Amino acid sequence: MRIGIVHGRFQPLHLGHLHDYILCAKKQCDFIIVGITNPDPTHTLPDESNLSRTRPHNNPMTYYERLVILQDALIEVGLDRSEFTIVPFPINFPQLLKYYTPETGIHYLTVFDDWGESKTNSLKRAGCKTSILFRKDISEKTISSTMVRELIVKKGNWESLVPKSSIQHIENYKIRERLLKIRNQSI
């Protein structure tokens, strides 16, 4: 069985994550492991290539909330529960990945910037097998979680950027209120 591994913060999951990354990688393998990075904020380290990734307002959702959203979105697009699993992914401690993912799996990545290159190199140094799905300039990235979070806060049309199954979860988890509270605390 060919096992693929993808990872991300998914704060929140958007259609770019789903179609351009997860499902693209799934085409390369029989089973996909989706790793959720920064599952525990007490074990998250800043990375010089992108310091904003660890800031609270960029990480409003818990591991559990992201797991539920991912699971429902993958089922929504037609994956059978037997074709995937979701795990914590300690990207800041790549030497621990052997406890979360099989060593025979291939880590699929997309690279838009220095952060993507940094992750790829870190995984390689940890002995992980990697495969780049694509390298693109950051200007080619048409959707980001930052964009979705901003639209949530501003009551914009964020719903068109996320899987349909995610909309109700984001509302039920009161992500807008949480984002506003985090912003007010940082002022």
C-alpha atoms as a PDB file:
ATOM      1  CA  MET A   1       0.000   0.000   0.000  1.00  0.00           C
ATOM      2  CA  ARG A   2       1.325   3.427  -0.952  1.00  0.00           C
ATOM      3  CA  ILE A   3       0.960   5.812   1.989  1.00  0.00           C
ATOM      4  CA  GLY A   4       1.036   9.561   1.514  1.00  0.00           C
ATOM      5  CA  ILE A   5       1.396  12.179   4.217  1.00  0.00           C
ATOM      6  CA  VAL A   6       0.360  15.831   4.054  1.00  0.00           C
ATOM      7  CA  HIS A   7       0.298  18.406   6.804  1.00  0.00           C
ATOM      8  CA  GLY A   8      -0.869  21.897   7.650  1.00  0.00           C
ATOM      9  CA  ARG A   9      -2.285  24.134  10.342  1.00  0.00           C
ATOM     10  CA  PHE A  10      -5.685  24.340   8.609  1.00  0.00           C
ATOM     11  CA  GLN A  11      -6.696  27.480  10.539  1.00  0.00           C
ATOM     12  CA  PRO A  12      -9.247  26.974   8.977  1.00  0.00           C
ATOM     13  CA  LEU A  13      -9.215  24.388   6.214  1.00  0.00           C
ATOM     14  CA  HIS A  14      -9.983  26.040   2.868  1.00  0.00           C
ATOM     15  CA  LEU A  15     -10.653  24.790  -0.654  1.00  0.00           C
ATOM     16  CA  GLY A  16      -7.019  25.365  -1.676  1.00  0.00           C
ATOM     17  CA  HIS A  17      -5.843  23.027   1.086  1.00  0.00           C
ATOM     18  CA  LEU A  18      -8.440  20.481   0.097  1.00  0.00           C
ATOM     19  CA  HIS A  19      -8.231  20.401  -3.704  1.00  0.00           C
ATOM     20  CA  ASP A  20      -4.735  21.689  -4.494  1.00  0.00           C
ATOM     21  CA  TYR A  21      -2.936  19.828  -1.737  1.00  0.00           C
ATOM     22  CA  ILE A  22      -4.705  17.001   0.079  1.00  0.00           C
ATOM     23  CA  LEU A  23      -6.646  15.555  -2.867  1.00  0.00           C
ATOM     24  CA  CYS A  24      -3.718  16.147  -5.223  1.00  0.00           C
ATOM     25  CA  ALA A  25      -1.497  14.096  -2.900  1.00  0.00           C
ATOM     26  CA  LYS A  26      -4.215  11.456  -2.475  1.00  0.00           C
ATOM     27  CA  LYS A  27      -4.057  10.770  -6.229  1.00  0.00           C
ATOM     28  CA  GLN A  28      -0.455   9.634  -5.672  1.00  0.00           C
ATOM     29  CA  CYS A  29      -1.248   7.050  -2.996  1.00  0.00           C
ATOM     30  CA  ASP A  30      -3.720   4.490  -1.678  1.00  0.00           C
ATOM     31  CA  PHE A  31      -4.014   5.940   1.826  1.00  0.00           C
ATOM     32  CA  ILE A  32      -3.455   9.496   3.001  1.00  0.00           C
ATOM     33  CA  ILE A  33      -2.413  10.651   6.455  1.00  0.00           C
ATOM     34  CA  VAL A  34      -3.358  14.261   7.152  1.00  0.00           C
ATOM     35  CA  GLY A  35      -1.198  15.780   9.853  1.00  0.00           C
ATOM     36  CA  ILE A  36      -2.397  18.787  11.825  1.00  0.00           C
ATOM     37  CA  THR A  37       0.563  20.976  12.772  1.00  0.00           C
ATOM     38  CA  ASN A  38       0.706  23.035  15.948  1.00  0.00           C
ATOM     39  CA  PRO A  39      -1.736  20.662  17.676  1.00  0.00           C
ATOM     40  CA  ASP A  40      -0.622  21.951  21.063  1.00  0.00           C
ATOM     41  CA  PRO A  41       0.382  25.621  21.373  1.00  0.00           C
ATOM     42  CA  THR A  42       2.720  24.798  24.271  1.00  0.00           C
ATOM     43  CA  HIS A  43       4.819  22.723  21.853  1.00  0.00           C
ATOM     44  CA  THR A  44       4.884  25.178  18.975  1.00  0.00           C
ATOM     45  CA  LEU A  45       8.110  26.951  18.116  1.00  0.00           C
ATOM     46  CA  PRO A  46       8.506  30.063  15.974  1.00  0.00           C
ATOM     47  CA  ASP A  47      10.341  29.606  12.690  1.00  0.00           C
ATOM     48  CA  GLU A  48      12.485  32.440  11.323  1.00  0.00           C
ATOM     49  CA  SER A  49      11.100  31.859   7.828  1.00  0.00           C
ATOM     50  CA  ASN A  50       7.568  32.773   8.970  1.00  0.00           C
ATOM     51  CA  LEU A  51       7.161  34.089  12.511  1.00  0.00           C
ATOM     52  CA  SER A  52       3.468  34.952  12.108  1.00  0.00           C
ATOM     53  CA  ARG A  53       2.513  31.255  11.922  1.00  0.00           C
ATOM     54  CA  THR A  54       2.704  30.922  15.716  1.00  0.00           C
ATOM     55  CA  ARG A  55       0.780  34.047  16.725  1.00  0.00           C
ATOM     56  CA  PRO A  56      -2.515  33.390  18.574  1.00  0.00           C
ATOM     57  CA  HIS A  57      -4.685  35.323  16.098  1.00  0.00           C
ATOM     58  CA  ASN A  58      -3.385  33.030  13.339  1.00  0.00           C
ATOM     59  CA  ASN A  59      -4.245  29.916  15.342  1.00  0.00           C
ATOM     60  CA  PRO A  60      -7.747  30.368  16.777  1.00  0.00           C
ATOM     61  CA  MET A  61      -8.882  26.748  16.423  1.00  0.00           C
ATOM     62  CA  THR A  62      -8.048  23.750  18.595  1.00  0.00           C
ATOM     63  CA  TYR A  63      -6.640  20.494  17.302  1.00  0.00           C
ATOM     64  CA  TYR A  64      -9.993  18.795  17.895  1.00  0.00           C
ATOM     65  CA  GLU A  65     -11.934  21.438  15.972  1.00  0.00           C
ATOM     66  CA  ARG A  66      -9.581  21.150  13.005  1.00  0.00           C
ATOM     67  CA  LEU A  67      -9.767  17.345  13.138  1.00  0.00           C
ATOM     68  CA  VAL A  68     -13.588  17.395  12.974  1.00  0.00           C
ATOM     69  CA  ILE A  69     -13.579  19.897  10.101  1.00  0.00           C
ATOM     70  CA  LEU A  70     -10.995  17.905   8.135  1.00  0.00           C
ATOM     71  CA  GLN A  71     -12.761  14.609   8.675  1.00  0.00           C
ATOM     72  CA  ASP A  72     -16.111  15.959   7.496  1.00  0.00           C
ATOM     73  CA  ALA A  73     -14.558  17.730   4.494  1.00  0.00           C
ATOM     74  CA  LEU A  74     -12.724  14.607   3.329  1.00  0.00           C
ATOM     75  CA  ILE A  75     -15.910  12.570   3.569  1.00  0.00           C
ATOM     76  CA  GLU A  76     -17.820  15.373   1.802  1.00  0.00           C
ATOM     77  CA  VAL A  77     -15.499  15.141  -1.245  1.00  0.00           C
ATOM     78  CA  GLY A  78     -15.970  11.389  -1.465  1.00  0.00           C
ATOM     79  CA  LEU A  79     -13.110   9.816   0.442  1.00  0.00           C
ATOM     80  CA  ASP A  80     -14.054   6.721   2.363  1.00  0.00           C
ATOM     81  CA  ARG A  81     -13.055   6.628   6.031  1.00  0.00           C
ATOM     82  CA  SER A  82     -10.813   3.661   5.132  1.00  0.00           C
ATOM     83  CA  GLU A  83      -8.730   5.895   2.799  1.00  0.00           C
ATOM     84  CA  PHE A  84      -7.451   8.423   5.347  1.00  0.00           C
ATOM     85  CA  THR A  85      -6.594   9.188   8.922  1.00  0.00           C
ATOM     86  CA  ILE A  86      -5.804  12.411  10.746  1.00  0.00           C
ATOM     87  CA  VAL A  87      -2.964  12.741  13.255  1.00  0.00           C
ATOM     88  CA  PRO A  88      -1.135  15.413  15.242  1.00  0.00           C
ATOM     89  CA  PHE A  89       1.954  16.520  13.310  1.00  0.00           C
ATOM     90  CA  PRO A  90       4.793  18.012  15.380  1.00  0.00           C
ATOM     91  CA  ILE A  91       6.399  20.001  12.557  1.00  0.00           C
ATOM     92  CA  ASN A  92       8.598  21.844  15.061  1.00  0.00           C
ATOM     93  CA  PHE A  93      10.041  18.522  16.224  1.00  0.00           C
ATOM     94  CA  PRO A  94      10.502  16.474  13.024  1.00  0.00           C
ATOM     95  CA  GLN A  95      12.516  13.855  14.900  1.00  0.00           C
ATOM     96  CA  LEU A  96       9.212  12.884  16.586  1.00  0.00           C
ATOM     97  CA  LEU A  97       7.350  12.246  13.335  1.00  0.00           C
ATOM     98  CA  LYS A  98       8.313   8.563  13.450  1.00  0.00           C
ATOM     99  CA  TYR A  99       5.860   8.263  16.359  1.00  0.00           C
ATOM    100  CA  TYR A 100       2.981   9.742  14.327  1.00  0.00           C
ATOM    101  CA  THR A 101       3.573   8.619  10.739  1.00  0.00           C
ATOM    102  CA  PRO A 102       5.051   5.500   9.140  1.00  0.00           C
ATOM    103  CA  GLU A 103       8.647   5.769   7.957  1.00  0.00           C
ATOM    104  CA  THR A 104       7.593   4.232   4.619  1.00  0.00           C
ATOM    105  CA  GLY A 105       5.165   7.069   3.903  1.00  0.00           C
ATOM    106  CA  ILE A 106       5.946   9.838   1.442  1.00  0.00           C
ATOM    107  CA  HIS A 107       5.547  13.395   2.699  1.00  0.00           C
ATOM    108  CA  TYR A 108       3.935  15.453  -0.062  1.00  0.00           C
ATOM    109  CA  LEU A 109       4.544  19.181   0.003  1.00  0.00           C
ATOM    110  CA  THR A 110       3.630  22.334  -1.865  1.00  0.00           C
ATOM    111  CA  VAL A 111       6.174  25.137  -1.794  1.00  0.00           C
ATOM    112  CA  PHE A 112       5.243  28.805  -2.133  1.00  0.00           C
ATOM    113  CA  ASP A 113       7.922  30.494  -0.026  1.00  0.00           C
ATOM    114  CA  ASP A 114      10.844  30.136   2.396  1.00  0.00           C
ATOM    115  CA  TRP A 115       8.566  28.416   4.917  1.00  0.00           C
ATOM    116  CA  GLY A 116       7.794  25.671   2.375  1.00  0.00           C
ATOM    117  CA  GLU A 117      11.493  25.219   1.631  1.00  0.00           C
ATOM    118  CA  SER A 118      12.306  25.199   5.345  1.00  0.00           C
ATOM    119  CA  LYS A 119       9.727  22.457   6.031  1.00  0.00           C
ATOM    120  CA  THR A 120      10.955  20.367   3.125  1.00  0.00           C
ATOM    121  CA  ASN A 121      14.571  20.586   4.286  1.00  0.00           C
ATOM    122  CA  SER A 122      13.592  19.859   7.886  1.00  0.00           C
ATOM    123  CA  LEU A 123      11.696  16.720   6.866  1.00  0.00           C
ATOM    124  CA  LYS A 124      14.600  15.542   4.713  1.00  0.00           C
ATOM    125  CA  ARG A 125      17.069  16.074   7.576  1.00  0.00           C
ATOM    126  CA  ALA A 126      14.799  13.970   9.793  1.00  0.00           C
ATOM    127  CA  GLY A 127      15.077  11.144   7.255  1.00  0.00           C
ATOM    128  CA  CYS A 128      11.571  11.506   5.794  1.00  0.00           C
ATOM    129  CA  LYS A 129      10.888  10.704   2.160  1.00  0.00           C
ATOM    130  CA  THR A 130       9.541  13.820   0.455  1.00  0.00           C
ATOM    131  CA  SER A 131       7.906  14.674  -2.844  1.00  0.00           C
ATOM    132  CA  ILE A 132       7.146  18.206  -4.005  1.00  0.00           C
ATOM    133  CA  LEU A 133       3.717  18.379  -5.652  1.00  0.00           C
ATOM    134  CA  PHE A 134       4.555  21.833  -7.008  1.00  0.00           C
ATOM    135  CA  ARG A 135       6.633  24.942  -6.444  1.00  0.00           C
ATOM    136  CA  LYS A 136       4.905  28.252  -7.136  1.00  0.00           C
ATOM    137  CA  ASP A 137       5.514  31.873  -6.339  1.00  0.00           C
ATOM    138  CA  ILE A 138       3.488  33.163  -3.394  1.00  0.00           C
ATOM    139  CA  SER A 139       1.701  35.527  -5.803  1.00  0.00           C
ATOM    140  CA  GLU A 140       0.103  32.441  -7.392  1.00  0.00           C
ATOM    141  CA  LYS A 141      -1.573  31.465  -4.132  1.00  0.00           C
ATOM    142  CA  THR A 142      -5.210  32.410  -4.655  1.00  0.00           C
ATOM    143  CA  ILE A 143      -6.536  31.533  -1.203  1.00  0.00           C
ATOM    144  CA  SER A 144      -5.071  31.410   2.293  1.00  0.00           C
ATOM    145  CA  SER A 145      -6.325  30.803   5.796  1.00  0.00           C
ATOM    146  CA  THR A 146      -5.321  34.387   6.620  1.00  0.00           C
ATOM    147  CA  MET A 147      -7.709  35.571   3.912  1.00  0.00           C
ATOM    148  CA  VAL A 148     -10.494  33.340   5.247  1.00  0.00           C
ATOM    149  CA  ARG A 149      -9.974  34.537   8.844  1.00  0.00           C
ATOM    150  CA  GLU A 150     -10.074  38.187   7.721  1.00  0.00           C
ATOM    151  CA  LEU A 151     -13.316  37.596   5.845  1.00  0.00           C
ATOM    152  CA  ILE A 152     -14.809  35.831   8.871  1.00  0.00           C
ATOM    153  CA  VAL A 153     -13.975  38.830  11.074  1.00  0.00           C
ATOM    154  CA  LYS A 154     -15.301  41.345   8.514  1.00  0.00           C
ATOM    155  CA  LYS A 155     -18.421  39.264   7.802  1.00  0.00           C
ATOM    156  CA  GLY A 156     -17.298  38.875   4.197  1.00  0.00           C
ATOM    157  CA  ASN A 157     -17.947  35.977   1.842  1.00  0.00           C
ATOM    158  CA  TRP A 158     -15.691  33.432   3.520  1.00  0.00           C
ATOM    159  CA  GLU A 159     -18.226  30.638   3.020  1.00  0.00           C
ATOM    160  CA  SER A 160     -17.303  30.336  -0.685  1.00  0.00           C
ATOM    161  CA  LEU A 161     -13.663  29.607   0.252  1.00  0.00           C
ATOM    162  CA  VAL A 162     -14.212  26.633   2.561  1.00  0.00           C
ATOM    163  CA  PRO A 163     -15.819  23.203   2.131  1.00  0.00           C
ATOM    164  CA  LYS A 164     -19.587  23.331   2.643  1.00  0.00           C
ATOM    165  CA  SER A 165     -19.332  20.976   5.624  1.00  0.00           C
ATOM    166  CA  SER A 166     -16.957  23.451   7.334  1.00  0.00           C
ATOM    167  CA  ILE A 167     -19.370  26.380   7.381  1.00  0.00           C
ATOM    168  CA  GLN A 168     -21.580  25.075  10.177  1.00  0.00           C
ATOM    169  CA  HIS A 169     -18.573  24.001  12.256  1.00  0.00           C
ATOM    170  CA  ILE A 170     -16.918  27.419  11.972  1.00  0.00           C
ATOM    171  CA  GLU A 171     -20.165  29.057  13.045  1.00  0.00           C
ATOM    172  CA  ASN A 172     -20.829  26.560  15.857  1.00  0.00           C
ATOM    173  CA  TYR A 173     -17.285  26.947  17.194  1.00  0.00           C
ATOM    174  CA  LYS A 174     -17.852  30.733  17.214  1.00  0.00           C
ATOM    175  CA  ILE A 175     -14.590  31.377  15.371  1.00  0.00           C
ATOM    176  CA  ARG A 176     -15.524  34.982  14.537  1.00  0.00           C
ATOM    177  CA  GLU A 177     -16.106  35.794  18.196  1.00  0.00           C
ATOM    178  CA  ARG A 178     -12.894  34.013  19.148  1.00  0.00           C
ATOM    179  CA  LEU A 179     -10.883  35.952  16.563  1.00  0.00           C
ATOM    180  CA  LEU A 180     -12.343  39.256  17.741  1.00  0.00           C
ATOM    181  CA  LYS A 181     -11.549  38.403  21.365  1.00  0.00           C
ATOM    182  CA  ILE A 182      -7.939  37.472  20.494  1.00  0.00           C
ATOM    183  CA  ARG A 183      -7.520  40.751  18.577  1.00  0.00           C
ATOM    184  CA  ASN A 184      -8.953  42.806  21.444  1.00  0.00           C
ATOM    185  CA  GLN A 185      -6.600  41.143  23.930  1.00  0.00           C
ATOM    186  CA  SER A 186      -3.572  41.994  21.796  1.00  0.00           C
ATOM    187  CA  ILE A 187      -4.417  45.721  21.620  1.00  0.00           C
END
